[in-house]
Amino acid sequence: MRILFLGETYRADAQTWIKGIEGVSHVTLVSKEIKNSGGRVSRIFAAIRFLGQLAFDSESYDITLAERATSYGFFSLLVKTRVRIVAQQGITDAFPEEGFAGWYKRILQKSIYTRADLIHAWGYVMTYAMLETGAPPSKILVKPKGLDLTKYRFPAEKPSGVLTAIVTRSLFPIYRHGEILEAIAILKSQGIHINCLMVGSGVLEESLKNRTKQLNLEDQVTWLGRIDNSLLPEYLMRAQIYLAVPETEGVSASLFEAMACGCFPIVTDLNSNRAFINSGENGMLVPVGRPDLLAESIEKFAIQTSEFQNGILSNRKFIEKNCDLKINMADFFDRYQKLLNHKK
């Protein structure tokens, strides 16, 4: 069996999907992606070359897995394959939703959703955009990728002393790390000291480090850069709080990782997060662009930590029930095989 993966293989989400399918299928996946280098113009030329390579590739595959409908999902239409499977990554892959970009991305999205054999939705909140762009309901599979629960463990006890928060999103504008720094600075001005582990890299790395200095937070914020995903669980198990305040969100694997390791989630008040977080119980929801309210939520957890322990335990139970990597990947591959057998 030949299985092709189209997507950015450096991403943790992609690695989870690749390794998960390799583990249950005992097949080593072939992967192809656009080389991410240079500025906007060079990326456009790289994308054109990539399309040409796919169009003239003589290789054929039994199954093709593609991430993000409006990019690699659309590119998968050029691949010679018997079964074509696409995964939506965000609440909608047609982002931004307005203007010319939203218009043409919805066209790309519809072109793949009407021709794919299976469409992955990592949560129900993703299905609305799928249905709006013409995805047949019978082709949509709603289930998270899952986590390796032997690695993402629930610690018997978190470290005591000063609270530690962790942020595991890439350093790009959409994730609004600056607001997290402002919230930590607000708490510091009020005499509340928390430490913060920043995991990830991106275009804002230098400016965010400079902002850390300006806010006099160098003794509280640790910039870890991009780390091997195998190291992430150990950092999560050290932290008591998980912070993520992006302006848009799909079904976040990062949130599930934090929930699995006993971190209390304080995240943006978005439909995708409301599906998993009851604010004030197993986490807190905060509006976009309000570092003052983010600071208030962190303070509330710091003062009333013991009151949230049942919610933290319920998060782990949810993960064990719904997000076991081995179980979910076996289910995925079983579906892939049935589609393949149907086409024989």
C-alpha atoms as a PDB file:
ATOM      1  CA  MET A   1       0.000   0.000   0.000  1.00  0.00           C
ATOM      2  CA  ARG A   2       1.215   3.502  -0.867  1.00  0.00           C
ATOM      3  CA  ILE A   3       0.008   6.418   1.240  1.00  0.00           C
ATOM      4  CA  LEU A   4       0.888  10.044   0.460  1.00  0.00           C
ATOM      5  CA  PHE A   5       0.731  12.877   2.991  1.00  0.00           C
ATOM      6  CA  LEU A   6       0.441  16.455   1.705  1.00  0.00           C
ATOM      7  CA  GLY A   7       1.078  19.082   4.360  1.00  0.00           C
ATOM      8  CA  GLU A   8       3.634  20.868   6.510  1.00  0.00           C
ATOM      9  CA  THR A   9       5.365  17.927   8.119  1.00  0.00           C
ATOM     10  CA  TYR A  10       7.213  20.034  10.717  1.00  0.00           C
ATOM     11  CA  ARG A  11       3.913  20.841  12.455  1.00  0.00           C
ATOM     12  CA  ALA A  12       3.048  18.796  15.531  1.00  0.00           C
ATOM     13  CA  ASP A  13      -0.507  18.223  14.264  1.00  0.00           C
ATOM     14  CA  ALA A  14       0.841  16.777  11.032  1.00  0.00           C
ATOM     15  CA  GLN A  15       3.314  14.556  12.854  1.00  0.00           C
ATOM     16  CA  THR A  16       0.510  13.191  15.035  1.00  0.00           C
ATOM     17  CA  TRP A  17      -1.523  12.231  11.960  1.00  0.00           C
ATOM     18  CA  ILE A  18       1.455  10.784  10.076  1.00  0.00           C
ATOM     19  CA  LYS A  19       2.866   8.733  12.947  1.00  0.00           C
ATOM     20  CA  GLY A  20      -0.593   7.647  14.058  1.00  0.00           C
ATOM     21  CA  ILE A  21      -1.471   6.211  10.650  1.00  0.00           C
ATOM     22  CA  GLU A  22       1.984   4.682  10.249  1.00  0.00           C
ATOM     23  CA  GLY A  23       1.558   3.004  13.635  1.00  0.00           C
ATOM     24  CA  VAL A  24      -1.750   1.310  12.825  1.00  0.00           C
ATOM     25  CA  SER A  25      -1.121   0.634   9.107  1.00  0.00           C
ATOM     26  CA  HIS A  26       2.539  -0.457   9.350  1.00  0.00           C
ATOM     27  CA  VAL A  27       3.089   1.599   6.187  1.00  0.00           C
ATOM     28  CA  THR A  28       5.726   4.349   5.930  1.00  0.00           C
ATOM     29  CA  LEU A  29       4.010   7.395   4.465  1.00  0.00           C
ATOM     30  CA  VAL A  30       5.462   9.389   1.582  1.00  0.00           C
ATOM     31  CA  SER A  31       5.262  13.126   2.279  1.00  0.00           C
ATOM     32  CA  LYS A  32       5.388  16.157  -0.002  1.00  0.00           C
ATOM     33  CA  GLU A  33       5.230  19.832   0.881  1.00  0.00           C
ATOM     34  CA  ILE A  34       6.116  23.292  -0.334  1.00  0.00           C
ATOM     35  CA  LYS A  35       9.520  24.356   0.926  1.00  0.00           C
ATOM     36  CA  ASN A  36       8.941  27.220   3.347  1.00  0.00           C
ATOM     37  CA  SER A  37      11.660  29.737   2.634  1.00  0.00           C
ATOM     38  CA  GLY A  38      12.090  33.322   1.480  1.00  0.00           C
ATOM     39  CA  GLY A  39       9.471  36.060   1.139  1.00  0.00           C
ATOM     40  CA  ARG A  40       5.990  36.139  -0.330  1.00  0.00           C
ATOM     41  CA  VAL A  41       7.099  36.184  -3.975  1.00  0.00           C
ATOM     42  CA  SER A  42       9.462  33.227  -3.561  1.00  0.00           C
ATOM     43  CA  ARG A  43       6.715  31.276  -1.772  1.00  0.00           C
ATOM     44  CA  ILE A  44       4.340  31.906  -4.679  1.00  0.00           C
ATOM     45  CA  PHE A  45       6.919  30.562  -7.148  1.00  0.00           C
ATOM     46  CA  ALA A  46       7.560  27.595  -4.845  1.00  0.00           C
ATOM     47  CA  ALA A  47       3.825  26.846  -4.800  1.00  0.00           C
ATOM     48  CA  ILE A  48       3.667  27.000  -8.615  1.00  0.00           C
ATOM     49  CA  ARG A  49       6.624  24.595  -8.881  1.00  0.00           C
ATOM     50  CA  PHE A  50       4.972  22.291  -6.367  1.00  0.00           C
ATOM     51  CA  LEU A  51       1.751  22.229  -8.380  1.00  0.00           C
ATOM     52  CA  GLY A  52       3.723  21.392 -11.502  1.00  0.00           C
ATOM     53  CA  GLN A  53       5.534  18.556  -9.748  1.00  0.00           C
ATOM     54  CA  LEU A  54       2.232  17.062  -8.599  1.00  0.00           C
ATOM     55  CA  ALA A  55       0.614  17.427 -12.014  1.00  0.00           C
ATOM     56  CA  PHE A  56       3.454  15.669 -13.858  1.00  0.00           C
ATOM     57  CA  ASP A  57       4.278  13.096 -11.173  1.00  0.00           C
ATOM     58  CA  SER A  58       3.976   9.601 -12.637  1.00  0.00           C
ATOM     59  CA  GLU A  59       3.599   8.020  -9.186  1.00  0.00           C
ATOM     60  CA  SER A  60       0.183   6.821  -8.067  1.00  0.00           C
ATOM     61  CA  TYR A  61      -1.059   6.200  -4.542  1.00  0.00           C
ATOM     62  CA  ASP A  62      -3.710   4.147  -2.836  1.00  0.00           C
ATOM     63  CA  ILE A  63      -4.536   6.848  -0.275  1.00  0.00           C
ATOM     64  CA  THR A  64      -3.709  10.558  -0.158  1.00  0.00           C
ATOM     65  CA  LEU A  65      -4.050  12.519   3.093  1.00  0.00           C
ATOM     66  CA  ALA A  66      -4.087  16.316   2.772  1.00  0.00           C
ATOM     67  CA  GLU A  67      -4.129  19.039   5.409  1.00  0.00           C
ATOM     68  CA  ARG A  68      -6.190  22.221   4.952  1.00  0.00           C
ATOM     69  CA  ALA A  69      -8.812  22.276   2.232  1.00  0.00           C
ATOM     70  CA  THR A  70      -7.740  25.555   0.652  1.00  0.00           C
ATOM     71  CA  SER A  71      -4.102  24.577   0.119  1.00  0.00           C
ATOM     72  CA  TYR A  72      -2.882  20.984   0.229  1.00  0.00           C
ATOM     73  CA  GLY A  73      -6.443  19.675  -0.005  1.00  0.00           C
ATOM     74  CA  PHE A  74      -6.903  21.530  -3.274  1.00  0.00           C
ATOM     75  CA  PHE A  75      -3.441  20.434  -4.453  1.00  0.00           C
ATOM     76  CA  SER A  76      -4.438  16.809  -3.828  1.00  0.00           C
ATOM     77  CA  LEU A  77      -6.799  17.033  -6.819  1.00  0.00           C
ATOM     78  CA  LEU A  78      -3.679  16.830  -9.014  1.00  0.00           C
ATOM     79  CA  VAL A  79      -2.495  13.582  -7.392  1.00  0.00           C
ATOM     80  CA  LYS A  80      -3.120  10.199  -9.002  1.00  0.00           C
ATOM     81  CA  THR A  81      -4.790   8.434  -6.098  1.00  0.00           C
ATOM     82  CA  ARG A  82      -7.620   6.005  -5.491  1.00  0.00           C
ATOM     83  CA  VAL A  83      -8.786   7.522  -2.201  1.00  0.00           C
ATOM     84  CA  ARG A  84      -8.529  11.226  -1.399  1.00  0.00           C
ATOM     85  CA  ILE A  85      -8.903  12.398   2.216  1.00  0.00           C
ATOM     86  CA  VAL A  86      -8.743  16.003   3.391  1.00  0.00           C
ATOM     87  CA  ALA A  87      -8.676  17.511   6.882  1.00  0.00           C
ATOM     88  CA  GLN A  88      -9.952  20.993   7.699  1.00  0.00           C
ATOM     89  CA  GLN A  89      -7.567  22.695  10.110  1.00  0.00           C
ATOM     90  CA  GLY A  90      -9.467  25.745  11.307  1.00  0.00           C
ATOM     91  CA  ILE A  91     -13.025  26.677  12.167  1.00  0.00           C
ATOM     92  CA  THR A  92     -13.098  27.296   8.421  1.00  0.00           C
ATOM     93  CA  ASP A  93     -10.186  27.006   6.008  1.00  0.00           C
ATOM     94  CA  ALA A  94     -11.605  29.985   4.074  1.00  0.00           C
ATOM     95  CA  PHE A  95      -9.877  32.590   6.249  1.00  0.00           C
ATOM     96  CA  PRO A  96     -10.118  35.539   6.174  1.00  0.00           C
ATOM     97  CA  GLU A  97     -13.822  34.942   5.584  1.00  0.00           C
ATOM     98  CA  GLU A  98     -14.525  38.340   4.012  1.00  0.00           C
ATOM     99  CA  GLY A  99     -13.398  39.993   0.776  1.00  0.00           C
ATOM    100  CA  PHE A 100     -11.759  38.517  -2.286  1.00  0.00           C
ATOM    101  CA  ALA A 101      -9.620  36.058  -0.283  1.00  0.00           C
ATOM    102  CA  GLY A 102     -12.656  34.586   1.455  1.00  0.00           C
ATOM    103  CA  TRP A 103     -14.513  34.340  -1.859  1.00  0.00           C
ATOM    104  CA  TYR A 104     -11.866  32.419  -3.782  1.00  0.00           C
ATOM    105  CA  LYS A 105     -10.929  30.231  -0.804  1.00  0.00           C
ATOM    106  CA  ARG A 106     -14.534  29.082  -0.508  1.00  0.00           C
ATOM    107  CA  ILE A 107     -14.369  28.101  -4.188  1.00  0.00           C
ATOM    108  CA  LEU A 108     -11.215  26.053  -3.517  1.00  0.00           C
ATOM    109  CA  GLN A 109     -12.855  24.534  -0.463  1.00  0.00           C
ATOM    110  CA  LYS A 110     -15.966  23.497  -2.384  1.00  0.00           C
ATOM    111  CA  SER A 111     -13.914  21.994  -5.210  1.00  0.00           C
ATOM    112  CA  ILE A 112     -12.154  19.580  -2.847  1.00  0.00           C
ATOM    113  CA  TYR A 113     -15.071  18.842  -0.513  1.00  0.00           C
ATOM    114  CA  THR A 114     -17.285  17.721  -3.386  1.00  0.00           C
ATOM    115  CA  ARG A 115     -14.542  15.439  -4.753  1.00  0.00           C
ATOM    116  CA  ALA A 116     -12.934  14.059  -1.588  1.00  0.00           C
ATOM    117  CA  ASP A 117     -13.778  10.576  -0.396  1.00  0.00           C
ATOM    118  CA  LEU A 118     -13.590  11.530   3.285  1.00  0.00           C
ATOM    119  CA  ILE A 119     -13.384  14.848   5.155  1.00  0.00           C
ATOM    120  CA  HIS A 120     -11.889  14.992   8.639  1.00  0.00           C
ATOM    121  CA  ALA A 121     -13.466  17.333  11.169  1.00  0.00           C
ATOM    122  CA  TRP A 122     -11.528  17.253  14.430  1.00  0.00           C
ATOM    123  CA  GLY A 123     -14.671  18.561  16.182  1.00  0.00           C
ATOM    124  CA  TYR A 124     -18.337  19.315  15.442  1.00  0.00           C
ATOM    125  CA  VAL A 125     -17.710  23.063  15.370  1.00  0.00           C
ATOM    126  CA  MET A 126     -15.820  22.579  12.079  1.00  0.00           C
ATOM    127  CA  THR A 127     -18.750  20.957  10.295  1.00  0.00           C
ATOM    128  CA  TYR A 128     -20.768  24.155   9.812  1.00  0.00           C
ATOM    129  CA  ALA A 129     -18.238  25.649   7.394  1.00  0.00           C
ATOM    130  CA  MET A 130     -17.942  22.298   5.631  1.00  0.00           C
ATOM    131  CA  LEU A 131     -21.681  22.026   5.046  1.00  0.00           C
ATOM    132  CA  GLU A 132     -21.914  25.657   3.915  1.00  0.00           C
ATOM    133  CA  THR A 133     -19.376  24.959   1.168  1.00  0.00           C
ATOM    134  CA  GLY A 134     -21.162  21.890  -0.126  1.00  0.00           C
ATOM    135  CA  ALA A 135     -19.534  19.012   1.737  1.00  0.00           C
ATOM    136  CA  PRO A 136     -21.795  15.932   1.654  1.00  0.00           C
ATOM    137  CA  PRO A 137     -22.638  15.074   5.298  1.00  0.00           C
ATOM    138  CA  SER A 138     -22.008  11.370   4.612  1.00  0.00           C
ATOM    139  CA  LYS A 139     -18.345  12.143   3.873  1.00  0.00           C
ATOM    140  CA  ILE A 140     -17.628  13.994   7.131  1.00  0.00           C
ATOM    141  CA  LEU A 141     -15.930  12.090   9.953  1.00  0.00           C
ATOM    142  CA  VAL A 142     -16.044  13.951  13.277  1.00  0.00           C
ATOM    143  CA  LYS A 143     -13.371  12.765  15.705  1.00  0.00           C
ATOM    144  CA  PRO A 144     -10.159  14.314  17.101  1.00  0.00           C
ATOM    145  CA  LYS A 145      -6.808  12.885  16.061  1.00  0.00           C
ATOM    146  CA  GLY A 146      -6.052  12.012  19.642  1.00  0.00           C
ATOM    147  CA  LEU A 147      -2.995  11.971  21.882  1.00  0.00           C
ATOM    148  CA  ASP A 148      -0.494   9.363  22.960  1.00  0.00           C
ATOM    149  CA  LEU A 149      -1.723   9.085  26.536  1.00  0.00           C
ATOM    150  CA  THR A 150       1.384   7.187  27.605  1.00  0.00           C
ATOM    151  CA  LYS A 151       3.283  10.464  27.011  1.00  0.00           C
ATOM    152  CA  TYR A 152       0.640  13.076  27.811  1.00  0.00           C
ATOM    153  CA  ARG A 153       0.190  11.964  31.385  1.00  0.00           C
ATOM    154  CA  PHE A 154      -1.822  13.411  34.234  1.00  0.00           C
ATOM    155  CA  PRO A 155       0.649  14.132  37.055  1.00  0.00           C
ATOM    156  CA  ALA A 156      -0.164  12.942  40.529  1.00  0.00           C
ATOM    157  CA  GLU A 157       0.824  16.383  41.813  1.00  0.00           C
ATOM    158  CA  LYS A 158       1.786  19.703  40.218  1.00  0.00           C
ATOM    159  CA  PRO A 159       4.842  21.620  41.484  1.00  0.00           C
ATOM    160  CA  SER A 160       4.038  23.841  44.448  1.00  0.00           C
ATOM    161  CA  GLY A 161       5.045  27.462  44.933  1.00  0.00           C
ATOM    162  CA  VAL A 162       4.803  30.175  42.266  1.00  0.00           C
ATOM    163  CA  LEU A 163       2.246  29.316  39.584  1.00  0.00           C
ATOM    164  CA  THR A 164       3.550  28.514  36.118  1.00  0.00           C
ATOM    165  CA  ALA A 165       1.585  29.167  32.950  1.00  0.00           C
ATOM    166  CA  ILE A 166       2.455  27.670  29.574  1.00  0.00           C
ATOM    167  CA  VAL A 167       1.822  28.922  26.025  1.00  0.00           C
ATOM    168  CA  THR A 168       2.396  26.466  23.175  1.00  0.00           C
ATOM    169  CA  ARG A 169       1.301  28.414  20.100  1.00  0.00           C
ATOM    170  CA  SER A 170       3.612  29.648  17.321  1.00  0.00           C
ATOM    171  CA  LEU A 171       4.850  33.216  17.562  1.00  0.00           C
ATOM    172  CA  PHE A 172       2.613  34.730  14.882  1.00  0.00           C
ATOM    173  CA  PRO A 173       0.224  37.715  15.149  1.00  0.00           C
ATOM    174  CA  ILE A 174      -2.945  35.588  15.139  1.00  0.00           C
ATOM    175  CA  TYR A 175      -2.001  34.109  18.540  1.00  0.00           C
ATOM    176  CA  ARG A 176      -1.651  37.501  20.278  1.00  0.00           C
ATOM    177  CA  HIS A 177       1.206  36.651  22.621  1.00  0.00           C
ATOM    178  CA  GLY A 178       1.647  40.346  23.401  1.00  0.00           C
ATOM    179  CA  GLU A 179      -1.661  40.340  25.275  1.00  0.00           C
ATOM    180  CA  ILE A 180      -0.450  37.474  27.444  1.00  0.00           C
ATOM    181  CA  LEU A 181       2.671  39.460  28.312  1.00  0.00           C
ATOM    182  CA  GLU A 182       0.507  42.476  29.172  1.00  0.00           C
ATOM    183  CA  ALA A 183      -1.673  40.339  31.443  1.00  0.00           C
ATOM    184  CA  ILE A 184       1.389  39.023  33.293  1.00  0.00           C
ATOM    185  CA  ALA A 185       2.624  42.617  33.678  1.00  0.00           C
ATOM    186  CA  ILE A 186      -0.762  43.708  35.083  1.00  0.00           C
ATOM    187  CA  LEU A 187      -0.597  40.914  37.655  1.00  0.00           C
ATOM    188  CA  LYS A 188       2.972  41.866  38.559  1.00  0.00           C
ATOM    189  CA  SER A 189       1.868  45.465  39.197  1.00  0.00           C
ATOM    190  CA  GLN A 190      -0.703  44.039  41.614  1.00  0.00           C
ATOM    191  CA  GLY A 191       1.897  41.970  43.462  1.00  0.00           C
ATOM    192  CA  ILE A 192       0.860  38.666  41.855  1.00  0.00           C
ATOM    193  CA  HIS A 193       3.869  36.831  40.452  1.00  0.00           C
ATOM    194  CA  ILE A 194       3.452  34.026  37.893  1.00  0.00           C
ATOM    195  CA  ASN A 195       6.018  32.411  35.659  1.00  0.00           C
ATOM    196  CA  CYS A 196       5.354  31.661  32.007  1.00  0.00           C
ATOM    197  CA  LEU A 197       6.892  29.117  29.630  1.00  0.00           C
ATOM    198  CA  MET A 198       6.662  30.225  25.988  1.00  0.00           C
ATOM    199  CA  VAL A 199       7.028  27.279  23.614  1.00  0.00           C
ATOM    200  CA  GLY A 200       7.352  27.888  19.884  1.00  0.00           C
ATOM    201  CA  SER A 201       8.965  30.135  17.299  1.00  0.00           C
ATOM    202  CA  GLY A 202       7.787  32.500  14.600  1.00  0.00           C
ATOM    203  CA  VAL A 203       8.108  35.905  12.971  1.00  0.00           C
ATOM    204  CA  LEU A 204       7.348  37.814  16.182  1.00  0.00           C
ATOM    205  CA  GLU A 205      10.015  36.136  18.296  1.00  0.00           C
ATOM    206  CA  GLU A 206      12.414  39.083  18.428  1.00  0.00           C
ATOM    207  CA  SER A 207       9.734  41.734  18.996  1.00  0.00           C
ATOM    208  CA  LEU A 208       8.074  39.669  21.740  1.00  0.00           C
ATOM    209  CA  LYS A 209      11.387  39.193  23.536  1.00  0.00           C
ATOM    210  CA  ASN A 210      11.938  42.957  23.335  1.00  0.00           C
ATOM    211  CA  ARG A 211       8.456  43.518  24.735  1.00  0.00           C
ATOM    212  CA  THR A 212       9.318  41.178  27.613  1.00  0.00           C
ATOM    213  CA  LYS A 213      12.273  43.418  28.465  1.00  0.00           C
ATOM    214  CA  GLN A 214      10.163  46.588  28.212  1.00  0.00           C
ATOM    215  CA  LEU A 215       7.631  45.138  30.644  1.00  0.00           C
ATOM    216  CA  ASN A 216      10.419  44.024  33.008  1.00  0.00           C
ATOM    217  CA  LEU A 217       9.308  40.380  32.808  1.00  0.00           C
ATOM    218  CA  GLU A 218      12.624  38.733  31.970  1.00  0.00           C
ATOM    219  CA  ASP A 219      12.706  36.949  35.343  1.00  0.00           C
ATOM    220  CA  GLN A 220       9.209  35.535  34.779  1.00  0.00           C
ATOM    221  CA  VAL A 221       8.989  34.631  31.078  1.00  0.00           C
ATOM    222  CA  THR A 222      11.133  31.845  29.616  1.00  0.00           C
ATOM    223  CA  TRP A 223      11.362  31.621  25.827  1.00  0.00           C
ATOM    224  CA  LEU A 224      11.997  27.981  24.918  1.00  0.00           C
ATOM    225  CA  GLY A 225      11.747  28.297  21.134  1.00  0.00           C
ATOM    226  CA  ARG A 226      10.597  25.408  19.007  1.00  0.00           C
ATOM    227  CA  ILE A 227      11.139  22.136  20.854  1.00  0.00           C
ATOM    228  CA  ASP A 228      10.832  18.527  19.837  1.00  0.00           C
ATOM    229  CA  ASN A 229       7.228  17.508  20.359  1.00  0.00           C
ATOM    230  CA  SER A 230       8.368  14.556  22.482  1.00  0.00           C
ATOM    231  CA  LEU A 231       9.571  17.061  25.111  1.00  0.00           C
ATOM    232  CA  LEU A 232       6.309  18.982  25.315  1.00  0.00           C
ATOM    233  CA  PRO A 233       4.488  16.730  27.825  1.00  0.00           C
ATOM    234  CA  GLU A 234       7.192  17.291  30.453  1.00  0.00           C
ATOM    235  CA  TYR A 235       6.757  21.066  30.205  1.00  0.00           C
ATOM    236  CA  LEU A 236       2.964  20.764  30.321  1.00  0.00           C
ATOM    237  CA  MET A 237       3.164  18.632  33.451  1.00  0.00           C
ATOM    238  CA  ARG A 238       5.208  21.383  35.145  1.00  0.00           C
ATOM    239  CA  ALA A 239       2.588  24.066  34.482  1.00  0.00           C
ATOM    240  CA  GLN A 240      -0.662  24.702  36.320  1.00  0.00           C
ATOM    241  CA  ILE A 241      -2.233  27.015  33.694  1.00  0.00           C
ATOM    242  CA  TYR A 242      -2.540  26.856  29.906  1.00  0.00           C
ATOM    243  CA  LEU A 243      -2.983  30.183  28.077  1.00  0.00           C
ATOM    244  CA  ALA A 244      -4.110  30.680  24.468  1.00  0.00           C
ATOM    245  CA  VAL A 245      -5.863  33.810  23.180  1.00  0.00           C
ATOM    246  CA  PRO A 246      -5.957  33.583  19.352  1.00  0.00           C
ATOM    247  CA  GLU A 247      -8.520  35.590  17.405  1.00  0.00           C
ATOM    248  CA  THR A 248      -9.703  32.474  15.574  1.00  0.00           C
ATOM    249  CA  GLU A 249      -9.427  28.784  16.389  1.00  0.00           C
ATOM    250  CA  GLY A 250     -10.339  25.379  15.065  1.00  0.00           C
ATOM    251  CA  VAL A 251     -10.363  22.347  17.331  1.00  0.00           C
ATOM    252  CA  SER A 252      -7.098  22.920  19.138  1.00  0.00           C
ATOM    253  CA  ALA A 253      -4.802  19.945  19.664  1.00  0.00           C
ATOM    254  CA  SER A 254      -2.771  22.217  21.945  1.00  0.00           C
ATOM    255  CA  LEU A 255      -5.796  22.628  24.204  1.00  0.00           C
ATOM    256  CA  PHE A 256      -6.277  18.851  24.377  1.00  0.00           C
ATOM    257  CA  GLU A 257      -2.595  18.371  25.223  1.00  0.00           C
ATOM    258  CA  ALA A 258      -2.910  20.818  28.096  1.00  0.00           C
ATOM    259  CA  MET A 259      -6.136  19.228  29.354  1.00  0.00           C
ATOM    260  CA  ALA A 260      -4.492  15.798  29.295  1.00  0.00           C
ATOM    261  CA  CYS A 261      -1.610  17.013  31.461  1.00  0.00           C
ATOM    262  CA  GLY A 262      -3.734  18.726  34.100  1.00  0.00           C
ATOM    263  CA  CYS A 263      -3.277  22.358  33.037  1.00  0.00           C
ATOM    264  CA  PHE A 264      -6.217  24.680  33.730  1.00  0.00           C
ATOM    265  CA  PRO A 265      -7.164  26.258  30.362  1.00  0.00           C
ATOM    266  CA  ILE A 266      -7.731  30.004  30.065  1.00  0.00           C
ATOM    267  CA  VAL A 267      -8.550  30.521  26.397  1.00  0.00           C
ATOM    268  CA  THR A 268     -10.364  32.783  23.953  1.00  0.00           C
ATOM    269  CA  ASP A 269     -14.148  32.852  24.082  1.00  0.00           C
ATOM    270  CA  LEU A 270     -14.771  31.255  20.673  1.00  0.00           C
ATOM    271  CA  ASN A 271     -17.315  28.667  19.520  1.00  0.00           C
ATOM    272  CA  SER A 272     -14.535  26.125  19.090  1.00  0.00           C
ATOM    273  CA  ASN A 273     -13.434  26.495  22.721  1.00  0.00           C
ATOM    274  CA  ARG A 274     -16.981  26.661  24.111  1.00  0.00           C
ATOM    275  CA  ALA A 275     -17.447  23.126  22.794  1.00  0.00           C
ATOM    276  CA  PHE A 276     -14.979  21.889  25.437  1.00  0.00           C
ATOM    277  CA  ILE A 277     -14.796  24.550  28.150  1.00  0.00           C
ATOM    278  CA  ASN A 278     -17.551  25.545  30.583  1.00  0.00           C
ATOM    279  CA  SER A 279     -16.205  28.862  31.793  1.00  0.00           C
ATOM    280  CA  GLY A 280     -15.664  28.938  35.544  1.00  0.00           C
ATOM    281  CA  GLU A 281     -15.727  25.139  35.817  1.00  0.00           C
ATOM    282  CA  ASN A 282     -13.112  23.264  33.765  1.00  0.00           C
ATOM    283  CA  GLY A 283     -11.469  26.406  32.384  1.00  0.00           C
ATOM    284  CA  MET A 284     -12.143  30.059  31.676  1.00  0.00           C
ATOM    285  CA  LEU A 285     -13.126  31.889  28.495  1.00  0.00           C
ATOM    286  CA  VAL A 286     -11.899  35.436  27.866  1.00  0.00           C
ATOM    287  CA  PRO A 287     -12.682  37.891  25.047  1.00  0.00           C
ATOM    288  CA  VAL A 288     -10.128  38.707  22.363  1.00  0.00           C
ATOM    289  CA  GLY A 289      -8.084  41.839  22.995  1.00  0.00           C
ATOM    290  CA  ARG A 290      -8.689  42.162  26.752  1.00  0.00           C
ATOM    291  CA  PRO A 291      -5.442  41.504  28.640  1.00  0.00           C
ATOM    292  CA  ASP A 292      -7.078  43.032  31.719  1.00  0.00           C
ATOM    293  CA  LEU A 293      -9.746  40.316  31.759  1.00  0.00           C
ATOM    294  CA  LEU A 294      -7.132  37.678  31.024  1.00  0.00           C
ATOM    295  CA  ALA A 295      -5.226  38.906  34.080  1.00  0.00           C
ATOM    296  CA  GLU A 296      -8.435  38.731  36.157  1.00  0.00           C
ATOM    297  CA  SER A 297      -9.005  35.114  35.112  1.00  0.00           C
ATOM    298  CA  ILE A 298      -5.453  34.122  36.006  1.00  0.00           C
ATOM    299  CA  GLU A 299      -5.821  35.870  39.363  1.00  0.00           C
ATOM    300  CA  LYS A 300      -9.088  34.058  40.064  1.00  0.00           C
ATOM    301  CA  PHE A 301      -7.454  30.695  39.440  1.00  0.00           C
ATOM    302  CA  ALA A 302      -4.438  31.672  41.570  1.00  0.00           C
ATOM    303  CA  ILE A 303      -6.703  32.584  44.502  1.00  0.00           C
ATOM    304  CA  GLN A 304      -9.177  29.700  44.161  1.00  0.00           C
ATOM    305  CA  THR A 305      -6.979  26.923  42.733  1.00  0.00           C
ATOM    306  CA  SER A 306      -8.472  24.171  44.892  1.00  0.00           C
ATOM    307  CA  GLU A 307     -12.008  25.000  43.707  1.00  0.00           C
ATOM    308  CA  PHE A 308     -11.116  24.080  40.121  1.00  0.00           C
ATOM    309  CA  GLN A 309      -9.613  20.644  40.775  1.00  0.00           C
ATOM    310  CA  ASN A 310     -12.780  18.741  39.853  1.00  0.00           C
ATOM    311  CA  GLY A 311     -12.883  20.573  36.538  1.00  0.00           C
ATOM    312  CA  ILE A 312      -9.245  19.734  35.867  1.00  0.00           C
ATOM    313  CA  LEU A 313      -9.964  16.056  36.607  1.00  0.00           C
ATOM    314  CA  SER A 314     -13.006  16.109  34.308  1.00  0.00           C
ATOM    315  CA  ASN A 315     -10.786  17.416  31.498  1.00  0.00           C
ATOM    316  CA  ARG A 316      -8.536  14.385  31.812  1.00  0.00           C
ATOM    317  CA  LYS A 317     -11.534  12.035  31.815  1.00  0.00           C
ATOM    318  CA  PHE A 318     -12.811  13.689  28.627  1.00  0.00           C
ATOM    319  CA  ILE A 319      -9.431  13.183  26.952  1.00  0.00           C
ATOM    320  CA  GLU A 320      -9.242   9.521  27.982  1.00  0.00           C
ATOM    321  CA  LYS A 321     -12.737   8.891  26.614  1.00  0.00           C
ATOM    322  CA  ASN A 322     -12.454  10.800  23.330  1.00  0.00           C
ATOM    323  CA  CYS A 323      -8.813  11.439  22.487  1.00  0.00           C
ATOM    324  CA  ASP A 324      -6.870   8.179  22.725  1.00  0.00           C
ATOM    325  CA  LEU A 325      -4.535   8.231  19.736  1.00  0.00           C
ATOM    326  CA  LYS A 326      -4.347   4.463  19.227  1.00  0.00           C
ATOM    327  CA  ILE A 327      -8.118   4.011  19.279  1.00  0.00           C
ATOM    328  CA  ASN A 328      -8.874   6.998  17.050  1.00  0.00           C
ATOM    329  CA  MET A 329      -6.169   6.259  14.478  1.00  0.00           C
ATOM    330  CA  ALA A 330      -7.269   2.630  14.236  1.00  0.00           C
ATOM    331  CA  ASP A 331     -10.788   3.883  13.544  1.00  0.00           C
ATOM    332  CA  PHE A 332      -9.498   6.301  10.886  1.00  0.00           C
ATOM    333  CA  PHE A 333      -7.487   3.658   9.090  1.00  0.00           C
ATOM    334  CA  ASP A 334     -10.396   1.239   9.173  1.00  0.00           C
ATOM    335  CA  ARG A 335     -12.470   3.889   7.371  1.00  0.00           C
ATOM    336  CA  TYR A 336      -9.680   4.469   4.843  1.00  0.00           C
ATOM    337  CA  GLN A 337      -9.456   0.751   4.087  1.00  0.00           C
ATOM    338  CA  LYS A 338     -13.215   0.452   3.593  1.00  0.00           C
ATOM    339  CA  LEU A 339     -13.122   3.316   1.102  1.00  0.00           C
ATOM    340  CA  LEU A 340     -10.201   1.682  -0.687  1.00  0.00           C
ATOM    341  CA  ASN A 341     -11.890  -1.721  -0.830  1.00  0.00           C
ATOM    342  CA  HIS A 342     -15.060  -0.106  -2.175  1.00  0.00           C
ATOM    343  CA  LYS A 343     -13.066   1.207  -5.145  1.00  0.00           C
ATOM    344  CA  LYS A 344     -11.497  -2.127  -6.074  1.00  0.00           C
END
